[in-house]
Amino acid sequence: MPSDRHDHERRGRPAGPLTEPPATGYRVRFRGRTRTGRPRIRAVLPQVLAPALAGLLLLVALLPVYRAGRAQAQGWLVLADSLTLVCACLITLYASAVAVLTLHALAVAGDPVPVAPESGIRVAFLTTYVPGRRPLSAVRAVLEGAVGMRHRGPLDVWLLDEGDDPEARMLCAELGVHHFTRLGVPEWNREEGPHRAGSEHGNLNAWLAKHGDAYDLLASADTAHVPRPEFLERTTGYFRDPDTAFAVGPRLHREHGLRALVQRAGNRYGAPVLAGAGSVVRVAALRGAGGFRNSPTADLVTGLEMHRRRNPLTGRHWRSVRTPDVPAVPDATAGGDASGRRPRPAWGPLSRQYGTTLFRVPPGRLTGYTLLLAHRPLAALARPLGALGCLSAVLHPQILPGATAVLLLALAPAAVRSLAPPRERGTRGAAGYRPRPARPAQEAERALASAGGTPAAGS
């Protein structure tokens, strides 16, 4: 009988078994999901019902029986009635636009066919640490998971320590990972720019300037996520395609419904966004994009910058791959951060980057970024529009039918989201996976002593 651990690993690989690539000319291949049968109907039906319901309610509100006598009504009542109808029209347009985009995404969505990775690829796994902001026990869990990853080639695990913490050095010595700090190096601690002091992107760019040339790929996991043993096995094979800039995997607790669908549709255009529980990035593509970007949404902006550039070796745009395989799982010992909840990003830098890219790449490559930028404000706009409809009904019962229609229209997007396709097959089993418990932090001191008092190299 298979063990629970084996079952969790199997369920965390919904892309299927690894395949052998062709001898020459490999390009990432994709296969569609929900093409036929009940899954297809379950995915499409809610998206079709939303605009149909919205349009039906709007027509009811416009029926002559409900508009009779309004011409003789008071001026404020005519204004309230007109406002209600305008709200209904806007919400109907919103529901229709979401439905069209969702249906298109369903039509083109696909998952990559995983292939065995090349041997000898040089990979560095990076995780950052700021003393006082993140408990060292959470860092230990991430490093232990990274050390346990399987890879057919050189693999170095790095801790990028912002404060050159002695306990962090001892932890690195115990686990046999590399320690890096930019503390005390003026050119890597600027007030602004790619090496801004105190920023995560500045920390990463400092490491990239010092050690980036020694590696082909950079791997990382989301905050408070522990990489799974097969993380690299399931992602690095896509880099056999010379135009693959990065590969990214889903988050267990957040990426479902529309977000997951948008990412899978991005595979059709070679442009899923750089957002997930774990990712692998090609060093050459990252350097060509100027390193990690200075932005609250650094991952998204960095990915967009790579998408707008071309591979100098092939002349084609850099592409990305979104795999359904789970690369990392939330750390059960990390407390509140383990759920994958992150602060709401600031969309200003991404919007500016989007504007400069809009007419420089094929429109399909911006599908994911367009939906990410448009979905939240449009969904937020539907709520006050529904509130205006309710207010109109309270002010005068003559426009109650129209106001009721507006309220139902405002609730339609939330209802559709609740009926949207569930999170991807395989992630439920992966959610039950737990890495081995972290050992007490006091063991680091004994490990350092047994190592002769010398911390891990790499600074």
Protein backbone atom coordinates (compact mmCIF):
# COMPACT_ATOMS: atom_id res chain seq x y z
CA MET A 1 0.00 0.00 0.00
CA PRO A 2 1.55 3.36 -0.98
CA SER A 3 2.57 5.67 1.82
CA ASP A 4 0.85 9.00 2.45
CA ARG A 5 3.98 10.84 1.36
CA HIS A 6 4.07 8.96 -1.94
CA ASP A 7 0.38 9.67 -2.49
CA HIS A 8 0.87 13.39 -1.81
CA GLU A 9 3.74 13.54 -4.30
CA ARG A 10 1.70 11.71 -6.94
CA ARG A 11 -1.30 14.00 -6.46
CA GLY A 12 0.96 17.05 -6.73
CA ARG A 13 1.85 16.12 -10.35
CA PRO A 14 -1.31 16.76 -12.37
CA ALA A 15 0.72 17.49 -15.52
CA GLY A 16 1.41 13.75 -15.84
CA PRO A 17 4.58 11.67 -16.02
CA LEU A 18 7.83 12.99 -17.44
CA THR A 19 8.35 12.32 -21.14
CA GLU A 20 11.45 12.16 -23.28
CA PRO A 21 11.95 15.17 -25.59
CA PRO A 22 12.95 14.85 -29.25
CA ALA A 23 16.64 14.66 -30.03
CA THR A 24 16.69 18.10 -31.65
CA GLY A 25 14.43 21.11 -32.04
CA TYR A 26 12.50 20.76 -28.78
CA ARG A 27 9.69 23.25 -28.17
CA VAL A 28 7.35 23.18 -25.19
CA ARG A 29 4.19 21.28 -26.12
CA PHE A 30 0.77 21.77 -24.54
CA ARG A 31 -2.37 19.73 -24.21
CA GLY A 32 -5.83 21.09 -23.46
CA ARG A 33 -8.03 20.27 -20.48
CA THR A 34 -11.84 20.27 -20.18
CA ARG A 35 -12.21 19.72 -23.93
CA THR A 36 -15.24 17.48 -23.77
CA GLY A 37 -17.74 15.99 -21.40
CA ARG A 38 -19.00 17.13 -18.02
CA PRO A 39 -15.90 19.12 -17.00
CA ARG A 40 -16.33 21.27 -20.10
CA ILE A 41 -20.04 21.85 -19.40
CA ARG A 42 -19.39 22.60 -15.72
CA ALA A 43 -16.76 25.18 -16.68
CA VAL A 44 -18.71 26.89 -19.46
CA LEU A 45 -22.25 26.92 -18.09
CA PRO A 46 -21.75 29.46 -15.26
CA GLN A 47 -19.91 31.83 -17.60
CA VAL A 48 -22.78 31.74 -20.10
CA LEU A 49 -25.49 32.10 -17.48
CA ALA A 50 -24.01 35.25 -15.95
CA PRO A 51 -24.43 37.61 -18.95
CA ALA A 52 -27.67 35.89 -19.95
CA LEU A 53 -29.13 36.54 -16.49
CA ALA A 54 -27.81 40.09 -16.53
CA GLY A 55 -29.36 40.81 -19.91
CA LEU A 56 -32.69 39.26 -18.92
CA LEU A 57 -32.96 41.34 -15.77
CA LEU A 58 -32.06 44.46 -17.69
CA LEU A 59 -34.80 43.78 -20.24
CA VAL A 60 -37.30 43.28 -17.44
CA ALA A 61 -36.35 46.64 -16.00
CA LEU A 62 -36.93 48.26 -19.41
CA LEU A 63 -40.40 46.75 -19.98
CA PRO A 64 -43.11 49.38 -20.69
CA VAL A 65 -45.20 48.16 -17.76
CA TYR A 66 -42.47 49.32 -15.40
CA ARG A 67 -41.88 52.58 -17.20
CA ALA A 68 -45.53 53.64 -17.43
CA GLY A 69 -46.21 56.84 -15.60
CA ARG A 70 -42.56 57.70 -15.01
CA ALA A 71 -42.70 60.58 -17.46
CA GLN A 72 -45.09 62.39 -15.08
CA ALA A 73 -42.98 61.59 -12.02
CA GLN A 74 -40.96 64.11 -10.08
CA GLY A 75 -37.61 65.17 -11.46
CA TRP A 76 -35.58 63.49 -8.73
CA LEU A 77 -37.45 60.23 -9.33
CA VAL A 78 -36.69 60.37 -13.06
CA LEU A 79 -33.03 60.98 -12.21
CA ALA A 80 -32.96 58.04 -9.77
CA ASP A 81 -34.65 55.80 -12.32
CA SER A 82 -32.14 56.79 -15.01
CA LEU A 83 -29.26 56.19 -12.61
CA THR A 84 -30.58 52.72 -11.83
CA LEU A 85 -30.78 51.82 -15.51
CA VAL A 86 -27.26 53.15 -16.16
CA CYS A 87 -25.96 51.00 -13.28
CA ALA A 88 -27.71 47.96 -14.72
CA CYS A 89 -26.21 48.60 -18.17
CA LEU A 90 -22.67 48.95 -16.80
CA ILE A 91 -22.94 45.78 -14.73
CA THR A 92 -24.32 43.91 -17.73
CA LEU A 93 -21.35 45.03 -19.81
CA TYR A 94 -18.99 43.93 -17.06
CA ALA A 95 -20.59 40.48 -16.79
CA SER A 96 -20.54 40.09 -20.57
CA ALA A 97 -16.88 41.12 -20.84
CA VAL A 98 -15.85 38.68 -18.12
CA ALA A 99 -17.85 35.92 -19.81
CA VAL A 100 -16.27 36.55 -23.23
CA LEU A 101 -12.75 36.58 -21.80
CA THR A 102 -13.43 33.48 -19.70
CA LEU A 103 -14.87 31.55 -22.64
CA HIS A 104 -11.86 32.50 -24.75
CA ALA A 105 -9.54 31.39 -21.96
CA LEU A 106 -11.40 28.08 -21.70
CA ALA A 107 -11.04 27.58 -25.44
CA VAL A 108 -7.26 28.10 -25.52
CA ALA A 109 -6.19 26.97 -22.03
CA GLY A 110 -3.70 24.17 -21.85
CA ASP A 111 -1.05 22.56 -19.66
CA PRO A 112 2.52 21.80 -20.71
CA VAL A 113 3.67 18.26 -21.36
CA PRO A 114 6.49 17.73 -18.81
CA VAL A 115 9.83 16.50 -20.09
CA ALA A 116 12.89 15.12 -18.37
CA PRO A 117 15.43 17.87 -17.58
CA GLU A 118 18.88 18.00 -19.08
CA SER A 119 21.77 16.77 -17.00
CA GLY A 120 24.39 19.21 -15.83
CA ILE A 121 22.23 22.35 -15.68
CA ARG A 122 23.60 24.66 -12.99
CA VAL A 123 20.82 25.75 -10.63
CA ALA A 124 20.80 28.08 -7.64
CA PHE A 125 17.91 28.14 -5.18
CA LEU A 126 17.53 31.53 -3.49
CA THR A 127 15.62 32.61 -0.42
CA THR A 128 15.92 35.98 1.31
CA TYR A 129 16.06 36.81 4.99
CA VAL A 130 15.72 40.08 6.91
CA PRO A 131 16.47 39.65 10.63
CA GLY A 132 13.49 40.61 12.73
CA ARG A 133 10.94 40.38 9.90
CA ARG A 134 10.90 36.63 9.43
CA PRO A 135 11.50 33.95 12.07
CA LEU A 136 14.61 31.90 11.57
CA SER A 137 12.56 28.73 12.10
CA ALA A 138 10.63 29.50 8.89
CA VAL A 139 13.91 30.04 7.04
CA ARG A 140 15.16 26.69 8.35
CA ALA A 141 12.10 24.90 6.96
CA VAL A 142 12.60 26.46 3.52
CA LEU A 143 16.32 25.64 3.46
CA GLU A 144 15.75 22.05 4.58
CA GLY A 145 13.18 21.61 1.81
CA ALA A 146 15.56 23.12 -0.75
CA VAL A 147 18.43 20.87 0.31
CA GLY A 148 16.15 17.88 -0.25
CA MET A 149 15.28 18.79 -3.86
CA ARG A 150 16.29 16.30 -6.54
CA HIS A 151 18.33 17.55 -9.49
CA ARG A 152 20.60 15.90 -12.07
CA GLY A 153 23.33 18.49 -11.93
CA PRO A 154 25.00 21.14 -9.77
CA LEU A 155 22.58 22.61 -7.24
CA ASP A 156 23.49 25.28 -4.70
CA VAL A 157 21.15 26.60 -2.04
CA TRP A 158 21.68 30.22 -1.01
CA LEU A 159 20.41 32.31 1.89
CA LEU A 160 20.49 36.01 1.02
CA ASP A 161 20.84 37.62 4.43
CA GLU A 162 20.08 41.35 4.49
CA GLY A 163 21.58 41.87 7.96
CA ASP A 164 24.50 39.39 8.06
CA ASP A 165 22.93 37.74 11.10
CA PRO A 166 25.29 35.42 13.07
CA GLU A 167 22.48 32.94 13.77
CA ALA A 168 21.67 32.81 10.07
CA ARG A 169 25.33 32.04 9.35
CA MET A 170 25.26 29.23 11.89
CA LEU A 171 22.12 27.83 10.28
CA CYS A 172 23.81 27.85 6.89
CA ALA A 173 26.85 26.09 8.34
CA GLU A 174 24.62 23.42 9.87
CA LEU A 175 22.67 22.71 6.70
CA GLY A 176 25.59 23.09 4.31
CA VAL A 177 24.09 25.94 2.27
CA HIS A 178 25.70 29.14 1.03
CA HIS A 179 25.37 32.44 2.85
CA PHE A 180 25.38 35.82 1.08
CA THR A 181 25.08 39.34 2.41
CA ARG A 182 25.42 42.75 0.80
CA LEU A 183 25.82 44.51 4.13
CA GLY A 184 28.67 47.02 4.03
CA VAL A 185 28.98 47.12 0.22
CA PRO A 186 28.08 50.70 -0.87
CA GLU A 187 27.40 49.95 -4.53
CA TRP A 188 24.81 47.35 -3.50
CA ASN A 189 23.06 49.64 -1.01
CA ARG A 190 21.70 52.64 -2.90
CA GLU A 191 18.83 54.95 -2.07
CA GLU A 192 17.06 54.09 -5.33
CA GLY A 193 17.43 51.83 -8.33
CA PRO A 194 18.08 48.11 -8.75
CA HIS A 195 20.24 47.97 -5.61
CA ARG A 196 17.98 49.91 -3.28
CA ALA A 197 18.89 49.26 0.34
CA GLY A 198 16.41 47.28 2.44
CA SER A 199 14.49 45.90 -0.55
CA GLU A 200 14.10 42.30 -1.62
CA HIS A 201 14.81 43.08 -5.28
CA GLY A 202 17.99 44.93 -4.23
CA ASN A 203 19.10 41.89 -2.25
CA LEU A 204 18.47 39.59 -5.21
CA ASN A 205 20.19 41.92 -7.70
CA ALA A 206 23.26 42.13 -5.48
CA TRP A 207 23.53 38.33 -5.49
CA LEU A 208 22.93 38.31 -9.25
CA ALA A 209 25.80 40.76 -9.79
CA LYS A 210 28.16 38.73 -7.60
CA HIS A 211 27.28 35.11 -8.41
CA GLY A 212 24.79 35.08 -11.29
CA ASP A 213 27.31 34.13 -13.96
CA ALA A 214 28.00 30.82 -12.21
CA TYR A 215 24.47 29.49 -12.88
CA ASP A 216 22.07 28.79 -15.72
CA LEU A 217 18.80 28.89 -13.72
CA LEU A 218 17.54 30.52 -10.54
CA ALA A 219 14.82 28.83 -8.47
CA SER A 220 12.81 30.33 -5.63
CA ALA A 221 9.66 29.71 -3.59
CA ASP A 222 6.98 32.09 -2.36
CA THR A 223 7.09 33.52 1.16
CA ALA A 224 6.55 30.85 3.84
CA HIS A 225 6.47 28.06 1.24
CA VAL A 226 8.68 24.99 1.36
CA PRO A 227 9.89 23.55 -1.98
CA ARG A 228 8.85 20.00 -2.73
CA PRO A 229 11.52 17.37 -3.52
CA GLU A 230 10.44 17.16 -7.19
CA PHE A 231 10.32 20.95 -7.70
CA LEU A 232 13.26 21.04 -10.12
CA GLU A 233 12.48 17.71 -11.76
CA ARG A 234 9.06 19.00 -12.80
CA THR A 235 10.13 22.47 -14.03
CA THR A 236 13.66 22.57 -15.40
CA GLY A 237 12.87 20.29 -18.37
CA TYR A 238 10.94 23.13 -20.04
CA PHE A 239 14.23 25.03 -20.38
CA ARG A 240 15.30 22.63 -23.10
CA ASP A 241 13.32 25.10 -25.22
CA PRO A 242 15.83 27.94 -25.76
CA ASP A 243 13.08 30.59 -25.64
CA THR A 244 11.75 29.65 -22.19
CA ALA A 245 12.51 32.53 -19.83
CA PHE A 246 10.76 31.20 -16.74
CA ALA A 247 8.45 28.46 -15.47
CA VAL A 248 5.99 28.97 -12.63
CA GLY A 249 3.68 26.75 -10.58
CA PRO A 250 0.35 27.41 -8.79
CA ARG A 251 -0.37 28.49 -5.24
CA LEU A 252 -2.48 26.00 -3.31
CA HIS A 253 -4.64 28.45 -1.37
CA ARG A 254 -5.15 31.26 -3.88
CA GLU A 255 -4.85 30.14 -7.47
CA HIS A 256 -8.21 28.74 -8.48
CA GLY A 257 -11.11 29.78 -10.63
CA LEU A 258 -10.41 32.77 -12.86
CA ARG A 259 -6.79 33.25 -11.79
CA ALA A 260 -5.80 29.67 -12.61
CA LEU A 261 -7.72 29.81 -15.88
CA VAL A 262 -5.96 33.02 -16.93
CA GLN A 263 -2.57 31.45 -16.22
CA ARG A 264 -3.41 28.34 -18.22
CA ALA A 265 -4.68 30.48 -21.10
CA GLY A 266 -1.36 32.32 -20.98
CA ASN A 267 0.33 29.08 -22.06
CA ARG A 268 -1.38 29.47 -25.44
CA TYR A 269 0.51 32.72 -26.02
CA GLY A 270 3.69 31.79 -24.16
CA ALA A 271 3.08 34.46 -21.53
CA PRO A 272 1.78 33.27 -18.13
CA VAL A 273 2.64 35.89 -15.51
CA LEU A 274 5.44 35.43 -13.00
CA ALA A 275 3.24 34.74 -9.97
CA GLY A 276 2.99 31.46 -8.09
CA ALA A 277 4.21 29.35 -5.21
CA GLY A 278 7.52 28.63 -6.94
CA SER A 279 9.36 29.62 -10.09
CA VAL A 280 12.51 28.94 -12.08
CA VAL A 281 14.07 31.75 -14.14
CA ARG A 282 16.73 31.65 -16.85
CA VAL A 283 19.67 33.84 -15.81
CA ALA A 284 20.29 35.08 -19.38
CA ALA A 285 16.70 36.28 -19.75
CA LEU A 286 16.75 37.92 -16.33
CA ARG A 287 19.98 39.76 -17.07
CA GLY A 288 18.61 40.90 -20.43
CA ALA A 289 15.62 42.41 -18.61
CA GLY A 290 17.88 44.37 -16.27
CA GLY A 291 17.50 42.10 -13.26
CA PHE A 292 14.67 42.13 -10.73
CA ARG A 293 12.59 45.29 -11.01
CA ASN A 294 12.18 47.98 -8.37
CA SER A 295 8.46 47.68 -7.69
CA PRO A 296 5.98 46.48 -5.02
CA THR A 297 4.87 44.01 -7.70
CA ALA A 298 8.47 43.08 -8.56
CA ASP A 299 7.71 39.57 -9.83
CA LEU A 300 4.93 40.70 -12.19
CA VAL A 301 6.88 43.67 -13.54
CA THR A 302 10.03 41.57 -13.98
CA GLY A 303 8.08 38.92 -15.88
CA LEU A 304 6.46 41.53 -18.13
CA GLU A 305 9.86 43.05 -18.86
CA MET A 306 11.15 39.65 -19.97
CA HIS A 307 8.05 39.06 -22.12
CA ARG A 308 8.60 42.30 -24.03
CA ARG A 309 12.18 41.36 -24.94
CA ARG A 310 13.59 38.89 -27.44
CA ASN A 311 16.04 36.05 -27.07
CA PRO A 312 19.22 37.34 -28.78
CA LEU A 313 20.13 33.79 -29.85
CA THR A 314 16.87 33.01 -31.69
CA GLY A 315 15.36 36.44 -32.35
CA ARG A 316 12.02 35.31 -30.88
CA HIS A 317 10.24 36.77 -27.85
CA TRP A 318 11.02 35.17 -24.54
CA ARG A 319 8.27 32.81 -23.45
CA SER A 320 7.09 31.43 -20.13
CA VAL A 321 5.42 28.23 -18.97
CA ARG A 322 2.82 27.72 -16.28
CA THR A 323 2.72 24.15 -15.01
CA PRO A 324 -0.10 22.71 -12.88
CA ASP A 325 2.46 20.77 -10.85
CA VAL A 326 2.75 22.11 -7.31
CA PRO A 327 6.33 23.37 -6.74
CA ALA A 328 6.06 24.33 -3.06
CA VAL A 329 3.62 23.97 -0.18
CA PRO A 330 2.79 26.32 2.71
CA ASP A 331 4.97 25.84 5.76
CA ALA A 332 2.79 24.65 8.63
CA THR A 333 5.29 26.07 11.16
CA ALA A 334 5.26 29.60 9.72
CA GLY A 335 2.11 30.81 11.47
CA GLY A 336 0.02 33.41 9.68
CA ASP A 337 2.14 33.53 6.53
CA ALA A 338 1.64 29.87 5.73
CA SER A 339 -1.67 30.32 3.98
CA GLY A 340 -0.10 32.17 1.11
CA ARG A 341 -1.94 35.40 1.91
CA ARG A 342 0.10 38.35 0.75
CA PRO A 343 -0.40 42.12 0.97
CA ARG A 344 -2.45 43.53 -1.87
CA PRO A 345 -0.01 44.67 -4.53
CA ALA A 346 0.27 48.24 -5.80
CA TRP A 347 -0.69 48.19 -9.47
CA GLY A 348 0.87 51.56 -10.42
CA PRO A 349 4.30 50.25 -11.57
CA LEU A 350 2.71 47.34 -13.41
CA SER A 351 0.26 49.70 -15.14
CA ARG A 352 3.10 51.94 -16.32
CA GLN A 353 5.09 48.96 -17.56
CA TYR A 354 1.97 47.65 -19.28
CA GLY A 355 1.51 50.97 -21.08
CA THR A 356 5.03 50.93 -22.48
CA THR A 357 4.59 47.33 -23.66
CA LEU A 358 1.07 47.63 -25.09
CA PHE A 359 1.97 48.13 -28.76
CA ARG A 360 5.33 46.35 -28.77
CA VAL A 361 4.22 42.74 -28.39
CA PRO A 362 1.38 40.65 -29.88
CA PRO A 363 -1.90 41.31 -28.00
CA GLY A 364 -2.28 37.69 -26.89
CA ARG A 365 0.90 37.94 -24.81
CA LEU A 366 -0.76 40.60 -22.65
CA THR A 367 -3.91 38.57 -21.92
CA GLY A 368 -2.93 37.64 -18.38
CA TYR A 369 -1.69 41.11 -17.49
CA THR A 370 -4.84 42.72 -18.94
CA LEU A 371 -7.14 40.54 -16.84
CA LEU A 372 -5.06 41.06 -13.70
CA LEU A 373 -5.19 44.84 -14.11
CA ALA A 374 -8.87 45.03 -15.08
CA HIS A 375 -10.56 42.38 -12.95
CA ARG A 376 -10.14 43.90 -9.48
CA PRO A 377 -11.29 47.48 -10.27
CA LEU A 378 -14.20 46.26 -12.36
CA ALA A 379 -15.35 43.85 -9.68
CA ALA A 380 -15.02 46.62 -7.10
CA LEU A 381 -17.09 48.95 -9.29
CA ALA A 382 -19.97 46.47 -9.41
CA ARG A 383 -20.53 46.76 -5.65
CA PRO A 384 -21.23 50.52 -5.47
CA LEU A 385 -23.39 50.24 -8.57
CA GLY A 386 -25.50 47.64 -6.80
CA ALA A 387 -25.63 49.86 -3.72
CA LEU A 388 -26.93 52.75 -5.84
CA GLY A 389 -29.68 50.51 -7.14
CA CYS A 390 -30.70 49.56 -3.59
CA LEU A 391 -30.70 53.22 -2.57
CA SER A 392 -33.02 54.04 -5.45
CA ALA A 393 -35.45 51.36 -4.30
CA VAL A 394 -35.44 52.77 -0.77
CA LEU A 395 -36.11 56.30 -2.03
CA HIS A 396 -39.15 55.34 -4.03
CA PRO A 397 -40.96 52.00 -4.50
CA GLN A 398 -41.95 52.83 -8.10
CA ILE A 399 -38.48 51.88 -9.33
CA LEU A 400 -38.22 48.78 -7.12
CA PRO A 401 -38.14 46.31 -10.07
CA GLY A 402 -35.25 48.11 -11.74
CA ALA A 403 -33.36 48.47 -8.48
CA THR A 404 -33.84 44.79 -7.72
CA ALA A 405 -32.46 43.96 -11.15
CA VAL A 406 -29.37 46.06 -10.46
CA LEU A 407 -28.81 44.33 -7.13
CA LEU A 408 -29.04 40.87 -8.68
CA LEU A 409 -26.70 41.95 -11.46
CA ALA A 410 -24.16 43.16 -8.93
CA LEU A 411 -24.30 39.80 -7.15
CA ALA A 412 -23.98 37.82 -10.39
CA PRO A 413 -20.13 38.04 -10.64
CA ALA A 414 -19.74 36.72 -7.09
CA ALA A 415 -22.17 33.91 -7.83
CA VAL A 416 -20.30 32.99 -10.99
CA ARG A 417 -17.01 32.98 -9.14
CA SER A 418 -18.42 30.56 -6.58
CA LEU A 419 -19.55 28.27 -9.39
CA ALA A 420 -16.31 28.59 -11.37
CA PRO A 421 -14.17 25.54 -12.12
CA PRO A 422 -12.64 24.28 -8.86
CA ARG A 423 -8.94 24.33 -8.16
CA GLU A 424 -6.92 22.08 -10.33
CA ARG A 425 -6.89 18.34 -10.08
CA GLY A 426 -4.04 17.18 -7.93
CA THR A 427 -3.71 20.15 -5.60
CA ARG A 428 -5.94 18.72 -2.88
CA GLY A 429 -3.57 15.88 -2.26
CA ALA A 430 -0.62 18.23 -2.38
CA ALA A 431 -2.24 20.42 0.23
CA GLY A 432 -1.97 17.57 2.68
CA TYR A 433 1.77 17.28 2.13
CA ARG A 434 3.87 18.52 5.03
CA PRO A 435 7.66 18.76 5.03
CA ARG A 436 9.53 17.19 7.88
CA PRO A 437 9.36 19.26 11.08
CA ALA A 438 12.08 21.84 11.57
CA ARG A 439 14.63 20.97 14.20
CA PRO A 440 15.22 23.31 17.14
CA ALA A 441 17.23 26.40 16.21
CA GLN A 442 19.62 25.77 19.15
CA GLU A 443 21.14 22.88 17.20
CA ALA A 444 22.77 25.42 14.86
CA GLU A 445 25.26 26.45 17.54
CA ARG A 446 26.38 22.86 18.10
CA ALA A 447 26.65 22.33 14.34
CA LEU A 448 28.84 25.39 13.96
CA ALA A 449 31.12 24.19 16.71
CA SER A 450 31.46 20.78 15.08
CA ALA A 451 32.28 22.49 11.79
CA GLY A 452 35.26 24.17 13.36
CA GLY A 453 33.59 27.54 13.84
CA THR A 454 33.60 28.40 10.13
CA PRO A 455 30.31 29.54 8.59
CA ALA A 456 29.26 28.47 5.12
CA ALA A 457 31.11 30.17 2.31
CA GLY A 458 29.53 32.41 -0.26
CA SER A 459 29.56 35.90 1.21
